[in-house]
Amino acid sequence: MKNNTICVIIPTYNRKEDVMRNIRSIKKSVGVSYRIFVSDDGSTDGTKEMVAKLFPEVKVTVSRKNCGAANARNLGMKAALKMPTDFLFFSDSDFTLEPKTLLELTNAIKDKPGYAAATGKIEYPKEGLAGGTLFIKKNNAQKIGFFDEISPIPYEDADYSVRINKSGYKILYVPTARIYHKTPYSDPKIAQKFWIRGAYRTARNKIIFMRKHSPAFWLF
């Protein structure tokens, strides 16, 4: 890994303003070389057109319809794996990075063969913690494969993390790599609407996750 090049993959659906903030934060990154891929999961808000206008160097892949986060990540991953790169970094569209985040993640695992991936300290802008990002070596991503689209969201990221561990590798937590998660769910009304709407999907995907990975699924 001589150049420590990173392909940054941003899956998104109808969040063009968030995507612009994300890209602007990535472009402030220091100490690394990177390419940015926006993976548009069937947006209807003009995301593709705005990215092309403001950031013509960013590659955009577009799904013909909205299929969920796993599909969006896979679209971006397929495009990124064709490029000469050392790492893939998945960043949800409503994230922003500090300038040294990618450098901190790179330095944390580049010389650790037992670690396939890393994650940073993900915070809300004001308080609390959140999940949803993955920094992984390209060669490990090729071995582990794509996200399982049977669980578009949630649990698709948890499933991928377990698959990394089952492949014999570890995931490193890097608290100095800070990532901020802009979320509307701190508003109780929005949060209640979101969780009610996603209750079936969450329960369904939890069962699928347990069936795949728990040796005691019959008890569950």
Protein backbone atom coordinates (compact mmCIF):
# COMPACT_ATOMS: atom_id res chain seq x y z
CA MET A 1 0.00 0.00 0.00
CA LYS A 2 2.25 2.82 -1.25
CA ASN A 3 -0.21 5.64 -1.93
CA ASN A 4 -2.96 4.74 0.53
CA THR A 5 -5.65 5.66 -1.96
CA ILE A 6 -9.23 5.58 -0.66
CA CYS A 7 -12.48 5.19 -2.55
CA VAL A 8 -15.17 6.99 -0.56
CA ILE A 9 -18.65 5.58 -1.23
CA ILE A 10 -21.68 7.68 -0.30
CA PRO A 11 -25.02 5.83 -0.58
CA THR A 12 -27.98 8.21 -0.70
CA TYR A 13 -31.69 8.56 -1.33
CA ASN A 14 -33.30 12.01 -1.69
CA ARG A 15 -30.76 13.82 0.50
CA LYS A 16 -28.98 16.08 -1.97
CA GLU A 17 -28.15 18.86 0.52
CA ASP A 18 -26.69 16.33 2.96
CA VAL A 19 -24.63 14.80 0.15
CA MET A 20 -23.21 18.21 -0.74
CA ARG A 21 -22.14 18.78 2.89
CA ASN A 22 -20.60 15.30 3.00
CA ILE A 23 -18.60 15.84 -0.18
CA ARG A 24 -17.39 19.26 0.98
CA SER A 25 -16.13 17.74 4.24
CA ILE A 26 -14.34 14.92 2.41
CA LYS A 27 -12.63 17.41 0.09
CA LYS A 28 -11.02 19.00 3.16
CA SER A 29 -9.26 15.70 3.97
CA VAL A 30 -5.50 15.88 4.48
CA GLY A 31 -2.68 13.36 4.11
CA VAL A 32 -4.47 10.88 1.80
CA SER A 33 -5.46 10.44 -1.82
CA TYR A 34 -9.12 9.73 -2.45
CA ARG A 35 -11.86 9.35 -5.04
CA ILE A 36 -15.52 9.99 -4.26
CA PHE A 37 -18.38 7.81 -5.47
CA VAL A 38 -22.01 8.83 -4.89
CA SER A 39 -24.34 5.84 -5.10
CA ASP A 40 -27.84 7.20 -5.78
CA ASP A 41 -30.54 4.71 -4.80
CA GLY A 42 -33.27 6.05 -7.10
CA SER A 43 -33.46 9.65 -5.82
CA THR A 44 -36.06 11.99 -7.30
CA ASP A 45 -34.72 15.23 -5.79
CA GLY A 46 -32.06 16.02 -8.40
CA THR A 47 -29.11 14.58 -6.46
CA LYS A 48 -27.30 13.35 -9.58
CA GLU A 49 -27.69 16.65 -11.39
CA MET A 50 -26.48 18.73 -8.44
CA VAL A 51 -23.42 16.54 -7.90
CA ALA A 52 -22.57 16.76 -11.60
CA LYS A 53 -22.91 20.55 -11.51
CA LEU A 54 -20.97 21.25 -8.33
CA PHE A 55 -18.50 18.35 -8.27
CA PRO A 56 -17.91 17.05 -11.81
CA GLU A 57 -14.96 14.96 -10.61
CA VAL A 58 -17.25 12.83 -8.42
CA LYS A 59 -18.49 9.60 -10.00
CA VAL A 60 -22.23 8.95 -9.62
CA THR A 61 -23.89 5.55 -10.00
CA VAL A 62 -27.68 5.48 -10.16
CA SER A 63 -30.20 2.74 -9.36
CA ARG A 64 -33.36 2.75 -11.47
CA LYS A 65 -35.48 2.40 -8.34
CA ASN A 66 -35.12 2.70 -4.58
CA CYS A 67 -33.96 -0.69 -3.25
CA GLY A 68 -32.42 0.18 0.12
CA ALA A 69 -29.03 0.90 1.68
CA ALA A 70 -27.49 -2.51 0.92
CA ASN A 71 -28.20 -2.08 -2.78
CA ALA A 72 -26.80 1.47 -2.78
CA ARG A 73 -23.60 0.39 -1.04
CA ASN A 74 -23.16 -2.48 -3.47
CA LEU A 75 -23.57 -0.20 -6.50
CA GLY A 76 -20.84 2.06 -5.22
CA MET A 77 -18.67 -0.87 -4.17
CA LYS A 78 -18.83 -2.45 -7.64
CA ALA A 79 -17.65 0.80 -9.20
CA ALA A 80 -14.92 1.37 -6.61
CA LEU A 81 -13.49 -2.15 -6.84
CA LYS A 82 -12.68 -1.50 -10.50
CA MET A 83 -10.34 1.31 -9.48
CA PRO A 84 -6.72 1.02 -8.27
CA THR A 85 -7.23 1.70 -4.56
CA ASP A 86 -6.15 0.44 -1.15
CA PHE A 87 -9.25 1.12 0.95
CA LEU A 88 -12.99 1.58 0.67
CA PHE A 89 -14.79 3.96 3.00
CA PHE A 90 -18.59 3.83 3.28
CA SER A 91 -20.05 7.11 4.50
CA ASP A 92 -23.80 7.61 4.88
CA SER A 93 -25.06 10.69 3.08
CA ASP A 94 -25.84 12.62 6.28
CA PHE A 95 -22.30 12.26 7.66
CA THR A 96 -19.50 14.83 7.68
CA LEU A 97 -15.83 14.16 8.41
CA GLU A 98 -13.06 16.01 10.15
CA PRO A 99 -10.04 16.75 7.90
CA LYS A 100 -7.87 14.06 9.52
CA THR A 101 -10.55 11.33 9.73
CA LEU A 102 -9.46 9.38 6.65
CA LEU A 103 -5.79 9.73 7.58
CA GLU A 104 -6.45 8.47 11.12
CA LEU A 105 -8.35 5.44 9.80
CA THR A 106 -5.64 4.69 7.24
CA ASN A 107 -2.78 4.89 9.74
CA ALA A 108 -4.71 2.77 12.24
CA ILE A 109 -4.92 -0.37 10.09
CA LYS A 110 -2.55 -0.09 7.12
CA ASP A 111 0.23 -2.02 8.88
CA LYS A 112 -2.00 -4.37 10.89
CA PRO A 113 -2.56 -7.54 8.81
CA GLY A 114 -4.96 -8.98 11.38
CA TYR A 115 -7.40 -6.11 10.92
CA ALA A 116 -9.58 -5.90 7.82
CA ALA A 117 -11.54 -2.80 8.73
CA ALA A 118 -11.96 0.14 11.08
CA THR A 119 -14.60 2.54 12.26
CA GLY A 120 -14.27 5.98 13.76
CA LYS A 121 -15.96 7.80 16.61
CA ILE A 122 -19.37 8.70 15.23
CA GLU A 123 -21.20 11.48 17.00
CA TYR A 124 -24.27 13.59 16.64
CA PRO A 125 -23.34 17.27 16.10
CA LYS A 126 -24.49 18.13 19.65
CA GLU A 127 -24.50 14.95 21.74
CA GLY A 128 -24.60 11.11 21.69
CA LEU A 129 -23.15 8.36 19.48
CA ALA A 130 -24.33 6.65 16.27
CA GLY A 131 -23.28 3.87 13.90
CA GLY A 132 -23.23 3.47 10.13
CA THR A 133 -19.76 3.66 8.59
CA LEU A 134 -17.04 1.24 7.50
CA PHE A 135 -13.42 1.70 6.42
CA ILE A 136 -12.09 -1.52 4.87
CA LYS A 137 -9.03 -2.73 2.99
CA LYS A 138 -9.83 -3.39 -0.65
CA ASN A 139 -8.40 -6.90 -0.69
CA ASN A 140 -10.55 -7.87 2.30
CA ALA A 141 -13.65 -6.34 0.72
CA GLN A 142 -13.03 -8.45 -2.38
CA LYS A 143 -12.83 -11.62 -0.28
CA ILE A 144 -15.85 -10.87 1.91
CA GLY A 145 -18.03 -9.73 -0.97
CA PHE A 146 -21.03 -7.44 -1.17
CA PHE A 147 -23.69 -6.44 1.34
CA ASP A 148 -26.58 -8.89 1.64
CA GLU A 149 -29.54 -7.27 -0.11
CA ILE A 150 -32.06 -9.58 1.55
CA SER A 151 -31.84 -7.07 4.44
CA PRO A 152 -31.72 -3.69 2.68
CA ILE A 153 -31.82 -1.76 6.00
CA PRO A 154 -31.29 -2.14 8.96
CA TYR A 155 -28.84 -4.91 10.00
CA GLU A 156 -27.07 -4.91 6.62
CA ASP A 157 -24.04 -3.24 8.24
CA ALA A 158 -24.13 -5.51 11.31
CA ASP A 159 -24.29 -8.54 9.01
CA TYR A 160 -21.24 -7.31 7.09
CA SER A 161 -19.30 -6.75 10.31
CA VAL A 162 -20.00 -10.30 11.51
CA ARG A 163 -18.90 -11.64 8.14
CA ILE A 164 -15.59 -9.79 8.54
CA ASN A 165 -15.07 -11.47 11.92
CA LYS A 166 -16.07 -14.89 10.55
CA SER A 167 -13.47 -14.49 7.80
CA GLY A 168 -10.80 -14.42 10.51
CA TYR A 169 -10.17 -10.68 10.69
CA LYS A 170 -10.83 -7.96 13.25
CA ILE A 171 -12.42 -4.50 13.14
CA LEU A 172 -10.58 -1.67 14.88
CA TYR A 173 -12.26 1.22 16.69
CA VAL A 174 -10.38 4.48 16.07
CA PRO A 175 -11.69 7.22 18.41
CA THR A 176 -9.41 9.88 16.92
CA ALA A 177 -11.21 9.51 13.56
CA ARG A 178 -14.26 11.68 14.17
CA ILE A 179 -17.39 11.52 12.00
CA TYR A 180 -20.52 13.57 12.60
CA HIS A 181 -24.01 12.24 11.93
CA LYS A 182 -26.71 14.77 11.08
CA THR A 183 -30.00 13.14 12.02
CA PRO A 184 -33.58 14.42 12.38
CA TYR A 185 -34.47 11.73 14.92
CA SER A 186 -33.62 13.86 17.94
CA ASP A 187 -37.06 15.40 17.31
CA PRO A 188 -39.48 13.09 19.24
CA LYS A 189 -42.26 13.43 16.64
CA ILE A 190 -39.99 12.53 13.74
CA ALA A 191 -38.38 9.70 15.71
CA GLN A 192 -41.76 8.18 16.62
CA LYS A 193 -42.92 8.30 13.00
CA PHE A 194 -39.67 6.72 11.82
CA TRP A 195 -39.68 3.85 14.30
CA ILE A 196 -43.35 3.04 13.77
CA ARG A 197 -42.84 2.98 10.02
CA GLY A 198 -39.74 0.80 10.34
CA ALA A 199 -40.99 -1.59 13.04
CA TYR A 200 -41.83 -4.45 10.67
CA ARG A 201 -38.63 -4.04 8.68
CA THR A 202 -36.49 -3.98 11.83
CA ALA A 203 -38.17 -7.08 13.30
CA ARG A 204 -37.93 -8.95 9.98
CA ASN A 205 -34.26 -8.19 9.46
CA LYS A 206 -33.41 -9.01 13.07
CA ILE A 207 -34.81 -12.52 12.54
CA ILE A 208 -32.83 -12.91 9.31
CA PHE A 209 -29.67 -11.72 11.06
CA MET A 210 -30.12 -14.14 13.96
CA ARG A 211 -30.89 -17.04 11.62
CA LYS A 212 -27.68 -16.41 9.68
CA HIS A 213 -25.30 -15.88 12.57
CA SER A 214 -26.63 -17.26 15.86
CA PRO A 215 -25.87 -20.89 16.78
CA ALA A 216 -28.81 -20.66 19.19
CA PHE A 217 -31.35 -19.33 16.70
CA TRP A 218 -33.79 -22.07 17.68
CA LEU A 219 -33.90 -20.53 21.17
CA PHE A 220 -34.42 -17.06 19.76
